[in-house]
PDB file of N, CA and C in Angstrom:
ATOM      1  N   MET A   1       7.558   8.768 -20.944  1.00  0.00           N
ATOM      2  CA  MET A   1       6.216   8.580 -20.401  1.00  0.00           C
ATOM      3  C   MET A   1       5.940   7.139 -20.225  1.00  0.00           C
ATOM      4  N   ALA A   2       5.277   6.814 -19.222  1.00  0.00           N
ATOM      5  CA  ALA A   2       4.902   5.377 -18.904  1.00  0.00           C
ATOM      6  C   ALA A   2       3.971   4.900 -19.923  1.00  0.00           C
ATOM      7  N   ASN A   3       4.096   3.644 -20.190  1.00  0.00           N
ATOM      8  CA  ASN A   3       3.155   2.979 -21.083  1.00  0.00           C
ATOM      9  C   ASN A   3       2.019   2.430 -20.298  1.00  0.00           C
ATOM     10  N   THR A   4       0.975   3.203 -20.139  1.00  0.00           N
ATOM     11  CA  THR A   4      -0.133   2.775 -19.325  1.00  0.00           C
ATOM     12  C   THR A   4      -1.422   2.434 -20.060  1.00  0.00           C
ATOM     13  N   ARG A   5      -1.298   2.130 -21.377  1.00  0.00           N
ATOM     14  CA  ARG A   5      -2.452   1.939 -22.219  1.00  0.00           C
ATOM     15  C   ARG A   5      -3.241   0.759 -21.727  1.00  0.00           C
ATOM     16  N   LYS A   6      -2.662  -0.344 -21.398  1.00  0.00           N
ATOM     17  CA  LYS A   6      -3.381  -1.512 -20.887  1.00  0.00           C
ATOM     18  C   LYS A   6      -4.069  -1.184 -19.601  1.00  0.00           C
ATOM     19  N   LEU A   7      -3.375  -0.561 -18.785  1.00  0.00           N
ATOM     20  CA  LEU A   7      -3.990  -0.243 -17.390  1.00  0.00           C
ATOM     21  C   LEU A   7      -5.064   0.803 -17.609  1.00  0.00           C
ATOM     22  N   ASP A   8      -4.913   1.735 -18.552  1.00  0.00           N
ATOM     23  CA  ASP A   8      -5.939   2.738 -18.834  1.00  0.00           C
ATOM     24  C   ASP A   8      -7.176   2.018 -19.340  1.00  0.00           C
ATOM     25  N   ARG A   9      -7.061   0.998 -20.205  1.00  0.00           N
ATOM     26  CA  ARG A   9      -8.201   0.288 -20.658  1.00  0.00           C
ATOM     27  C   ARG A   9      -8.943  -0.483 -19.620  1.00  0.00           C
ATOM     28  N   GLU A  10      -8.151  -1.073 -18.693  1.00  0.00           N
ATOM     29  CA  GLU A  10      -8.762  -1.757 -17.582  1.00  0.00           C
ATOM     30  C   GLU A  10      -9.475  -0.788 -16.654  1.00  0.00           C
ATOM     31  N   ILE A  11      -8.859   0.442 -16.457  1.00  0.00           N
ATOM     32  CA  ILE A  11      -9.591   1.429 -15.667  1.00  0.00           C
ATOM     33  C   ILE A  11     -10.851   1.877 -16.284  1.00  0.00           C
ATOM     34  N   GLN A  12     -10.824   2.079 -17.566  1.00  0.00           N
ATOM     35  CA  GLN A  12     -12.082   2.443 -18.281  1.00  0.00           C
ATOM     36  C   GLN A  12     -13.134   1.479 -18.207  1.00  0.00           C
ATOM     37  N   ALA A  13     -12.780   0.166 -18.325  1.00  0.00           N
ATOM     38  CA  ALA A  13     -13.687  -0.915 -18.160  1.00  0.00           C
ATOM     39  C   ALA A  13     -14.296  -0.996 -16.774  1.00  0.00           C
ATOM     40  N   ALA A  14     -13.411  -0.769 -15.816  1.00  0.00           N
ATOM     41  CA  ALA A  14     -13.871  -0.761 -14.404  1.00  0.00           C
ATOM     42  C   ALA A  14     -14.886   0.463 -14.163  1.00  0.00           C
ATOM     43  N   GLN A  15     -14.583   1.611 -14.730  1.00  0.00           N
ATOM     44  CA  GLN A  15     -15.458   2.740 -14.623  1.00  0.00           C
ATOM     45  C   GLN A  15     -16.818   2.485 -15.258  1.00  0.00           C
ATOM     46  N   ASN A  16     -16.734   1.903 -16.466  1.00  0.00           N
ATOM     47  CA  ASN A  16     -18.010   1.590 -17.144  1.00  0.00           C
ATOM     48  C   ASN A  16     -18.812   0.578 -16.341  1.00  0.00           C
ATOM     49  N   ARG A  17     -18.182  -0.420 -15.710  1.00  0.00           N
ATOM     50  CA  ARG A  17     -18.880  -1.390 -14.911  1.00  0.00           C
ATOM     51  C   ARG A  17     -19.543  -0.797 -13.707  1.00  0.00           C
ATOM     52  N   LEU A  18     -18.789   0.146 -13.055  1.00  0.00           N
ATOM     53  CA  LEU A  18     -19.257   0.864 -11.886  1.00  0.00           C
ATOM     54  C   LEU A  18     -20.462   1.778 -12.230  1.00  0.00           C
ATOM     55  N   ASN A  19     -20.335   2.463 -13.323  1.00  0.00           N
ATOM     56  CA  ASN A  19     -21.459   3.281 -13.772  1.00  0.00           C
ATOM     57  C   ASN A  19     -22.710   2.411 -14.067  1.00  0.00           C
ATOM     58  N   GLY A  20     -22.459   1.287 -14.731  1.00  0.00           N
ATOM     59  CA  GLY A  20     -23.608   0.339 -15.038  1.00  0.00           C
ATOM     60  C   GLY A  20     -24.271  -0.114 -13.722  1.00  0.00           C
ATOM     61  N   ILE A  21     -23.397  -0.382 -12.736  1.00  0.00           N
ATOM     62  CA  ILE A  21     -24.023  -0.936 -11.461  1.00  0.00           C
ATOM     63  C   ILE A  21     -24.740   0.225 -10.849  1.00  0.00           C
ATOM     64  N   ARG A  22     -24.229   1.461 -10.869  1.00  0.00           N
ATOM     65  CA  ARG A  22     -24.935   2.609 -10.228  1.00  0.00           C
ATOM     66  C   ARG A  22     -26.268   2.854 -10.947  1.00  0.00           C
ATOM     67  N   ASN A  23     -26.326   2.573 -12.245  1.00  0.00           N
ATOM     68  CA  ASN A  23     -27.542   2.716 -13.027  1.00  0.00           C
ATOM     69  C   ASN A  23     -28.451   1.466 -12.905  1.00  0.00           C
ATOM     70  N   GLN A  24     -27.974   0.494 -12.127  1.00  0.00           N
ATOM     71  CA  GLN A  24     -28.619  -0.749 -11.827  1.00  0.00           C
ATOM     72  C   GLN A  24     -28.961  -1.525 -13.211  1.00  0.00           C
ATOM     73  N   GLU A  25     -27.935  -1.608 -13.975  1.00  0.00           N
ATOM     74  CA  GLU A  25     -28.105  -2.379 -15.228  1.00  0.00           C
ATOM     75  C   GLU A  25     -27.562  -3.852 -14.819  1.00  0.00           C
ATOM     76  N   GLN A  26     -28.528  -4.738 -14.967  1.00  0.00           N
ATOM     77  CA  GLN A  26     -28.199  -6.105 -14.560  1.00  0.00           C
ATOM     78  C   GLN A  26     -27.017  -6.736 -15.260  1.00  0.00           C
ATOM     79  N   SER A  27     -26.738  -6.278 -16.512  1.00  0.00           N
ATOM     80  CA  SER A  27     -25.597  -6.953 -17.195  1.00  0.00           C
ATOM     81  C   SER A  27     -24.286  -6.529 -16.628  1.00  0.00           C
ATOM     82  N   SER A  28     -24.241  -5.489 -15.706  1.00  0.00           N
ATOM     83  CA  SER A  28     -23.087  -5.038 -15.050  1.00  0.00           C
ATOM     84  C   SER A  28     -22.740  -6.001 -13.913  1.00  0.00           C
ATOM     85  N   LEU A  29     -23.626  -6.826 -13.491  1.00  0.00           N
ATOM     86  CA  LEU A  29     -23.329  -7.648 -12.309  1.00  0.00           C
ATOM     87  C   LEU A  29     -22.594  -8.833 -12.787  1.00  0.00           C
ATOM     88  N   LYS A  30     -21.897  -9.530 -11.721  1.00  0.00           N
ATOM     89  CA  LYS A  30     -21.152 -10.753 -12.079  1.00  0.00           C
ATOM     90  C   LYS A  30     -22.227 -11.836 -12.286  1.00  0.00           C
ATOM     91  N   GLY A  31     -21.845 -12.948 -12.896  1.00  0.00           N
ATOM     92  CA  GLY A  31     -22.781 -14.062 -13.233  1.00  0.00           C
ATOM     93  C   GLY A  31     -23.553 -14.562 -12.055  1.00  0.00           C
ATOM     94  N   GLY A  32     -22.882 -14.776 -10.953  1.00  0.00           N
ATOM     95  CA  GLY A  32     -23.563 -15.356  -9.785  1.00  0.00           C
ATOM     96  C   GLY A  32     -24.588 -14.359  -9.192  1.00  0.00           C
ATOM     97  N   ASP A  33     -24.212 -13.080  -9.224  1.00  0.00           N
ATOM     98  CA  ASP A  33     -25.100 -12.090  -8.661  1.00  0.00           C
ATOM     99  C   ASP A  33     -26.265 -11.798  -9.666  1.00  0.00           C
ATOM    100  N   GLN A  34     -26.078 -12.024 -10.893  1.00  0.00           N
ATOM    101  CA  GLN A  34     -27.210 -11.983 -11.922  1.00  0.00           C
ATOM    102  C   GLN A  34     -28.200 -13.029 -11.567  1.00  0.00           C
ATOM    103  N   ALA A  35     -27.687 -14.295 -11.276  1.00  0.00           N
ATOM    104  CA  ALA A  35     -28.592 -15.368 -11.077  1.00  0.00           C
ATOM    105  C   ALA A  35     -29.400 -15.172  -9.758  1.00  0.00           C
ATOM    106  N   LYS A  36     -28.700 -14.633  -8.702  1.00  0.00           N
ATOM    107  CA  LYS A  36     -29.339 -14.398  -7.417  1.00  0.00           C
ATOM    108  C   LYS A  36     -30.456 -13.257  -7.638  1.00  0.00           C
ATOM    109  N   PHE A  37     -30.054 -12.288  -8.386  1.00  0.00           N
ATOM    110  CA  PHE A  37     -31.008 -11.109  -8.610  1.00  0.00           C
ATOM    111  C   PHE A  37     -32.240 -11.653  -9.369  1.00  0.00           C
ATOM    112  N   ALA A  38     -32.053 -12.499 -10.402  1.00  0.00           N
ATOM    113  CA  ALA A  38     -33.156 -13.003 -11.155  1.00  0.00           C
ATOM    114  C   ALA A  38     -34.066 -13.755 -10.282  1.00  0.00           C
ATOM    115  N   GLY A  39     -33.446 -14.575  -9.446  1.00  0.00           N
ATOM    116  CA  GLY A  39     -34.274 -15.371  -8.407  1.00  0.00           C
ATOM    117  C   GLY A  39     -35.101 -14.465  -7.556  1.00  0.00           C
ATOM    118  N   LEU A  40     -34.542 -13.353  -7.059  1.00  0.00           N
ATOM    119  CA  LEU A  40     -35.215 -12.496  -6.218  1.00  0.00           C
ATOM    120  C   LEU A  40     -36.283 -11.787  -7.025  1.00  0.00           C
ATOM    121  N   GLN A  41     -36.073 -11.467  -8.244  1.00  0.00           N
ATOM    122  CA  GLN A  41     -37.122 -10.822  -9.071  1.00  0.00           C
ATOM    123  C   GLN A  41     -38.275 -11.815  -9.258  1.00  0.00           C
ATOM    124  N   ALA A  42     -37.999 -13.092  -9.413  1.00  0.00           N
ATOM    125  CA  ALA A  42     -39.094 -14.040  -9.618  1.00  0.00           C
ATOM    126  C   ALA A  42     -39.891 -14.185  -8.277  1.00  0.00           C
ATOM    127  N   VAL A  43     -39.265 -14.136  -7.140  1.00  0.00           N
ATOM    128  CA  VAL A  43     -39.975 -14.085  -5.878  1.00  0.00           C
ATOM    129  C   VAL A  43     -40.901 -12.912  -5.757  1.00  0.00           C
ATOM    130  N   GLY A  44     -40.312 -11.813  -6.111  1.00  0.00           N
ATOM    131  CA  GLY A  44     -41.052 -10.518  -6.011  1.00  0.00           C
ATOM    132  C   GLY A  44     -42.269 -10.512  -6.916  1.00  0.00           C
ATOM    133  N   ILE A  45     -42.103 -11.007  -8.097  1.00  0.00           N
ATOM    134  CA  ILE A  45     -43.190 -11.091  -9.145  1.00  0.00           C
ATOM    135  C   ILE A  45     -44.332 -12.058  -8.569  1.00  0.00           C
ATOM    136  N   ALA A  46     -43.796 -13.250  -8.110  1.00  0.00           N
ATOM    137  CA  ALA A  46     -44.775 -14.233  -7.609  1.00  0.00           C
ATOM    138  C   ALA A  46     -45.636 -13.702  -6.501  1.00  0.00           C
ATOM    139  N   LYS A  47     -44.930 -12.960  -5.597  1.00  0.00           N
ATOM    140  CA  LYS A  47     -45.667 -12.416  -4.450  1.00  0.00           C
ATOM    141  C   LYS A  47     -46.659 -11.299  -4.901  1.00  0.00           C
ATOM    142  N   ALA A  48     -46.172 -10.538  -5.839  1.00  0.00           N
ATOM    143  CA  ALA A  48     -47.027  -9.428  -6.376  1.00  0.00           C
ATOM    144  C   ALA A  48     -48.252  -9.930  -7.035  1.00  0.00           C
ATOM    145  N   VAL A  49     -48.065 -11.030  -7.725  1.00  0.00           N
ATOM    146  CA  VAL A  49     -49.269 -11.683  -8.381  1.00  0.00           C
ATOM    147  C   VAL A  49     -50.289 -12.022  -7.369  1.00  0.00           C
ATOM    148  N   ARG A  50     -49.857 -12.500  -6.194  1.00  0.00           N
ATOM    149  CA  ARG A  50     -50.745 -12.952  -5.136  1.00  0.00           C
ATOM    150  C   ARG A  50     -51.163 -11.739  -4.252  1.00  0.00           C
ATOM    151  N   GLY A  51     -50.731 -10.524  -4.640  1.00  0.00           N
ATOM    152  CA  GLY A  51     -51.148  -9.370  -3.870  1.00  0.00           C
ATOM    153  C   GLY A  51     -50.390  -9.204  -2.540  1.00  0.00           C
ATOM    154  N   LYS A  52     -49.192  -9.676  -2.453  1.00  0.00           N
ATOM    155  CA  LYS A  52     -48.400  -9.506  -1.240  1.00  0.00           C
ATOM    156  C   LYS A  52     -47.139  -8.756  -1.573  1.00  0.00           C
ATOM    157  N   THR A  53     -46.460  -8.380  -0.547  1.00  0.00           N
ATOM    158  CA  THR A  53     -45.185  -7.657  -0.710  1.00  0.00           C
ATOM    159  C   THR A  53     -44.113  -8.664  -0.453  1.00  0.00           C
ATOM    160  N   ALA A  54     -42.903  -8.272  -0.938  1.00  0.00           N
ATOM    161  CA  ALA A  54     -41.693  -9.126  -0.704  1.00  0.00           C
ATOM    162  C   ALA A  54     -40.552  -8.298  -0.198  1.00  0.00           C
ATOM    163  N   PRO A  55     -40.704  -7.833   1.060  1.00  0.00           N
ATOM    164  CA  PRO A  55     -39.642  -6.956   1.578  1.00  0.00           C
ATOM    165  C   PRO A  55     -38.338  -7.638   1.690  1.00  0.00           C
ATOM    166  N   MET A  56     -38.313  -8.938   2.027  1.00  0.00           N
ATOM    167  CA  MET A  56     -37.006  -9.663   2.209  1.00  0.00           C
ATOM    168  C   MET A  56     -36.276  -9.714   0.852  1.00  0.00           C
ATOM    169  N   ALA A  57     -37.098  -9.980  -0.220  1.00  0.00           N
ATOM    170  CA  ALA A  57     -36.428 -10.072  -1.572  1.00  0.00           C
ATOM    171  C   ALA A  57     -35.929  -8.704  -2.039  1.00  0.00           C
ATOM    172  N   GLU A  58     -36.679  -7.643  -1.620  1.00  0.00           N
ATOM    173  CA  GLU A  58     -36.285  -6.311  -2.018  1.00  0.00           C
ATOM    174  C   GLU A  58     -35.030  -5.933  -1.224  1.00  0.00           C
ATOM    175  N   ARG A  59     -34.880  -6.266   0.053  1.00  0.00           N
ATOM    176  CA  ARG A  59     -33.716  -5.942   0.767  1.00  0.00           C
ATOM    177  C   ARG A  59     -32.476  -6.771   0.351  1.00  0.00           C
ATOM    178  N   ALA A  60     -32.742  -8.008  -0.055  1.00  0.00           N
ATOM    179  CA  ALA A  60     -31.623  -8.808  -0.553  1.00  0.00           C
ATOM    180  C   ALA A  60     -31.165  -8.299  -1.898  1.00  0.00           C
ATOM    181  N   ALA A  61     -32.096  -7.846  -2.721  1.00  0.00           N
ATOM    182  CA  ALA A  61     -31.665  -7.273  -4.027  1.00  0.00           C
ATOM    183  C   ALA A  61     -30.916  -5.932  -3.819  1.00  0.00           C
ATOM    184  N   GLY A  62     -31.325  -5.198  -2.850  1.00  0.00           N
ATOM    185  CA  GLY A  62     -30.613  -3.960  -2.518  1.00  0.00           C
ATOM    186  C   GLY A  62     -29.223  -4.260  -2.045  1.00  0.00           C
ATOM    187  N   ARG A  63     -29.065  -5.409  -1.224  1.00  0.00           N
ATOM    188  CA  ARG A  63     -27.656  -5.790  -0.725  1.00  0.00           C
ATOM    189  C   ARG A  63     -26.852  -6.214  -1.960  1.00  0.00           C
ATOM    190  N   ILE A  64     -27.421  -6.841  -2.858  1.00  0.00           N
ATOM    191  CA  ILE A  64     -26.639  -7.263  -4.071  1.00  0.00           C
ATOM    192  C   ILE A  64     -26.136  -6.062  -4.740  1.00  0.00           C
ATOM    193  N   TRP A  65     -26.876  -5.051  -5.017  1.00  0.00           N
ATOM    194  CA  TRP A  65     -26.410  -3.814  -5.620  1.00  0.00           C
ATOM    195  C   TRP A  65     -25.348  -3.178  -4.850  1.00  0.00           C
ATOM    196  N   ASP A  66     -25.605  -3.044  -3.580  1.00  0.00           N
ATOM    197  CA  ASP A  66     -24.670  -2.337  -2.731  1.00  0.00           C
ATOM    198  C   ASP A  66     -23.313  -3.077  -2.715  1.00  0.00           C
ATOM    199  N   ARG A  67     -23.330  -4.370  -2.554  1.00  0.00           N
ATOM    200  CA  ARG A  67     -22.046  -5.095  -2.499  1.00  0.00           C
ATOM    201  C   ARG A  67     -21.384  -5.027  -3.878  1.00  0.00           C
ATOM    202  N   ALA A  68     -22.142  -5.074  -4.939  1.00  0.00           N
ATOM    203  CA  ALA A  68     -21.456  -5.064  -6.295  1.00  0.00           C
ATOM    204  C   ALA A  68     -20.855  -3.637  -6.454  1.00  0.00           C
ATOM    205  N   GLU A  69     -21.548  -2.602  -6.008  1.00  0.00           N
ATOM    206  CA  GLU A  69     -20.946  -1.226  -6.155  1.00  0.00           C
ATOM    207  C   GLU A  69     -19.662  -1.145  -5.307  1.00  0.00           C
ATOM    208  N   GLU A  70     -19.709  -1.637  -4.168  1.00  0.00           N
ATOM    209  CA  GLU A  70     -18.480  -1.598  -3.334  1.00  0.00           C
ATOM    210  C   GLU A  70     -17.327  -2.322  -3.904  1.00  0.00           C
ATOM    211  N   GLU A  71     -17.541  -3.491  -4.497  1.00  0.00           N
ATOM    212  CA  GLU A  71     -16.566  -4.268  -5.177  1.00  0.00           C
ATOM    213  C   GLU A  71     -15.986  -3.531  -6.343  1.00  0.00           C
ATOM    214  N   ALA A  72     -16.945  -3.016  -7.151  1.00  0.00           N
ATOM    215  CA  ALA A  72     -16.391  -2.315  -8.367  1.00  0.00           C
ATOM    216  C   ALA A  72     -15.660  -1.081  -7.995  1.00  0.00           C
ATOM    217  N   ALA A  73     -16.109  -0.405  -6.972  1.00  0.00           N
ATOM    218  CA  ALA A  73     -15.338   0.843  -6.638  1.00  0.00           C
ATOM    219  C   ALA A  73     -13.913   0.462  -6.028  1.00  0.00           C
ATOM    220  N   ALA A  74     -13.875  -0.616  -5.297  1.00  0.00           N
ATOM    221  CA  ALA A  74     -12.596  -1.106  -4.792  1.00  0.00           C
ATOM    222  C   ALA A  74     -11.634  -1.530  -5.980  1.00  0.00           C
ATOM    223  N   ASP A  75     -12.153  -2.233  -6.905  1.00  0.00           N
ATOM    224  CA  ASP A  75     -11.418  -2.644  -8.060  1.00  0.00           C
ATOM    225  C   ASP A  75     -10.831  -1.418  -8.803  1.00  0.00           C
ATOM    226  N   LEU A  76     -11.680  -0.383  -8.951  1.00  0.00           N
ATOM    227  CA  LEU A  76     -11.336   0.782  -9.596  1.00  0.00           C
ATOM    228  C   LEU A  76     -10.234   1.543  -8.869  1.00  0.00           C
ATOM    229  N   ARG A  77     -10.352   1.595  -7.535  1.00  0.00           N
ATOM    230  CA  ARG A  77      -9.312   2.317  -6.706  1.00  0.00           C
ATOM    231  C   ARG A  77      -7.975   1.491  -6.811  1.00  0.00           C
ATOM    232  N   VAL A  78      -8.005   0.220  -6.823  1.00  0.00           N
ATOM    233  CA  VAL A  78      -6.779  -0.534  -6.911  1.00  0.00           C
ATOM    234  C   VAL A  78      -6.060  -0.317  -8.272  1.00  0.00           C
ATOM    235  N   LEU A  79      -6.908  -0.272  -9.360  1.00  0.00           N
ATOM    236  CA  LEU A  79      -6.362  -0.022 -10.660  1.00  0.00           C
ATOM    237  C   LEU A  79      -5.728   1.365 -10.771  1.00  0.00           C
ATOM    238  N   GLN A  80      -6.479   2.305 -10.191  1.00  0.00           N
ATOM    239  CA  GLN A  80      -5.983   3.685 -10.241  1.00  0.00           C
ATOM    240  C   GLN A  80      -4.662   3.817  -9.467  1.00  0.00           C
ATOM    241  N   ALA A  81      -4.584   3.198  -8.318  1.00  0.00           N
ATOM    242  CA  ALA A  81      -3.382   3.183  -7.393  1.00  0.00           C
ATOM    243  C   ALA A  81      -2.242   2.547  -8.177  1.00  0.00           C
ATOM    244  N   GLU A  82      -2.515   1.511  -8.863  1.00  0.00           N
ATOM    245  CA  GLU A  82      -1.455   0.770  -9.588  1.00  0.00           C
ATOM    246  C   GLU A  82      -0.923   1.677 -10.674  1.00  0.00           C
ATOM    247  N   ARG A  83      -1.813   2.385 -11.363  1.00  0.00           N
ATOM    248  CA  ARG A  83      -1.389   3.263 -12.480  1.00  0.00           C
ATOM    249  C   ARG A  83      -0.533   4.421 -11.842  1.00  0.00           C
ATOM    250  N   GLN A  84      -0.905   5.005 -10.746  1.00  0.00           N
ATOM    251  CA  GLN A  84      -0.264   6.107 -10.081  1.00  0.00           C
ATOM    252  C   GLN A  84       1.155   5.589  -9.636  1.00  0.00           C
ATOM    253  N   GLN A  85       1.229   4.292  -9.178  1.00  0.00           N
ATOM    254  CA  GLN A  85       2.542   3.811  -8.674  1.00  0.00           C
ATOM    255  C   GLN A  85       3.414   3.610  -9.916  1.00  0.00           C
ATOM    256  N   LEU A  86       2.897   3.150 -11.000  1.00  0.00           N
ATOM    257  CA  LEU A  86       3.790   2.980 -12.233  1.00  0.00           C
ATOM    258  C   LEU A  86       4.307   4.338 -12.669  1.00  0.00           C
ATOM    259  N   LEU A  87       3.438   5.375 -12.657  1.00  0.00           N
ATOM    260  CA  LEU A  87       3.914   6.663 -13.079  1.00  0.00           C
ATOM    261  C   LEU A  87       4.989   7.177 -12.110  1.00  0.00           C
ATOM    262  N   THR A  88       4.802   6.939 -10.832  1.00  0.00           N
ATOM    263  CA  THR A  88       5.685   7.470  -9.840  1.00  0.00           C
ATOM    264  C   THR A  88       7.036   6.816  -9.966  1.00  0.00           C
ATOM    265  N   ASP A  89       7.083   5.521 -10.169  1.00  0.00           N
ATOM    266  CA  ASP A  89       8.253   4.655 -10.338  1.00  0.00           C
ATOM    267  C   ASP A  89       9.065   5.146 -11.591  1.00  0.00           C
ATOM    268  N   GLN A  90       8.341   5.444 -12.622  1.00  0.00           N
ATOM    269  CA  GLN A  90       8.964   5.804 -13.814  1.00  0.00           C
ATOM    270  C   GLN A  90       9.548   7.283 -13.722  1.00  0.00           C
ATOM    271  N   ALA A  91       8.839   8.184 -13.013  1.00  0.00           N
ATOM    272  CA  ALA A  91       9.386   9.521 -12.732  1.00  0.00           C
ATOM    273  C   ALA A  91      10.654   9.395 -11.860  1.00  0.00           C
ATOM    274  N   ALA A  92      10.664   8.509 -10.883  1.00  0.00           N
ATOM    275  CA  ALA A  92      11.842   8.347 -10.033  1.00  0.00           C
ATOM    276  C   ALA A  92      13.061   7.855 -10.914  1.00  0.00           C
ATOM    277  N   ALA A  93      12.758   6.982 -11.779  1.00  0.00           N
ATOM    278  CA  ALA A  93      13.846   6.469 -12.660  1.00  0.00           C
ATOM    279  C   ALA A  93      14.370   7.475 -13.512  1.00  0.00           C
ATOM    280  N   ARG A  94      13.539   8.349 -13.994  1.00  0.00           N
ATOM    281  CA  ARG A  94      14.009   9.523 -14.871  1.00  0.00           C
ATOM    282  C   ARG A  94      14.847  10.456 -14.054  1.00  0.00           C
ATOM    283  N   ARG A  95      14.424  10.689 -12.797  1.00  0.00           N
ATOM    284  CA  ARG A  95      15.175  11.609 -11.953  1.00  0.00           C
ATOM    285  C   ARG A  95      16.590  11.049 -11.726  1.00  0.00           C
ATOM    286  N   GLU A  96      16.569   9.761 -11.395  1.00  0.00           N
ATOM    287  CA  GLU A  96      17.902   9.107 -11.242  1.00  0.00           C
ATOM    288  C   GLU A  96      18.796   9.086 -12.377  1.00  0.00           C
ATOM    289  N   LYS A  97      18.245   8.980 -13.529  1.00  0.00           N
ATOM    290  CA  LYS A  97      18.988   9.025 -14.727  1.00  0.00           C
ATOM    291  C   LYS A  97      19.550  10.386 -15.007  1.00  0.00           C
ATOM    292  N   LYS A  98      18.772  11.415 -14.762  1.00  0.00           N
ATOM    293  CA  LYS A  98      19.248  12.758 -14.998  1.00  0.00           C
ATOM    294  C   LYS A  98      20.309  13.155 -13.850  1.00  0.00           C
ATOM    295  N   LYS A  99      20.127  12.678 -12.725  1.00  0.00           N
ATOM    296  CA  LYS A  99      21.018  12.924 -11.635  1.00  0.00           C
ATOM    297  C   LYS A  99      22.454  12.410 -11.860  1.00  0.00           C
ATOM    298  N   GLY A 100      22.462  11.215 -12.549  1.00  0.00           N
ATOM    299  CA  GLY A 100      23.790  10.678 -12.819  1.00  0.00           C
ATOM    300  C   GLY A 100      24.708  11.588 -13.753  1.00  0.00           C
ATOM    301  N   GLY A 101      24.070  12.234 -14.694  1.00  0.00           N
ATOM    302  CA  GLY A 101      24.741  13.227 -15.521  1.00  0.00           C
ATOM    303  C   GLY A 101      26.001  12.576 -16.273  1.00  0.00           C
ATOM    304  N   TRP A 102      26.592  13.333 -17.160  1.00  0.00           N
ATOM    305  CA  TRP A 102      27.751  12.716 -17.874  1.00  0.00           C
ATOM    306  C   TRP A 102      29.057  13.362 -17.381  1.00  0.00           C
ATOM    307  N   PHE A 103      28.907  14.301 -16.433  1.00  0.00           N
ATOM    308  CA  PHE A 103      30.224  14.845 -15.888  1.00  0.00           C
ATOM    309  C   PHE A 103      30.438  14.611 -14.427  1.00  0.00           C
TER     310      PHE A 103
END
């Protein structure tokens, strides 16, 4: 059986990050996105205090979440494909070994 523990841990971490992003947990965002999001929140709060709306800030925040979700999902797909390829390669090696036989 293939030793996929490290890859499995990375996949689990990527799944946790994706779930956090889907739940809109700010800690799941990358550092730069966290800073942008905090700035957008400040703009929204400042506008709200003045009794105005901040549709541009809201749309920009939505784009941050959407982009972060796409990136996390892509990372997860890459890791899962890498794991599957490892298992496929190892199975092919086992078949070749059995095919050789001793007679």
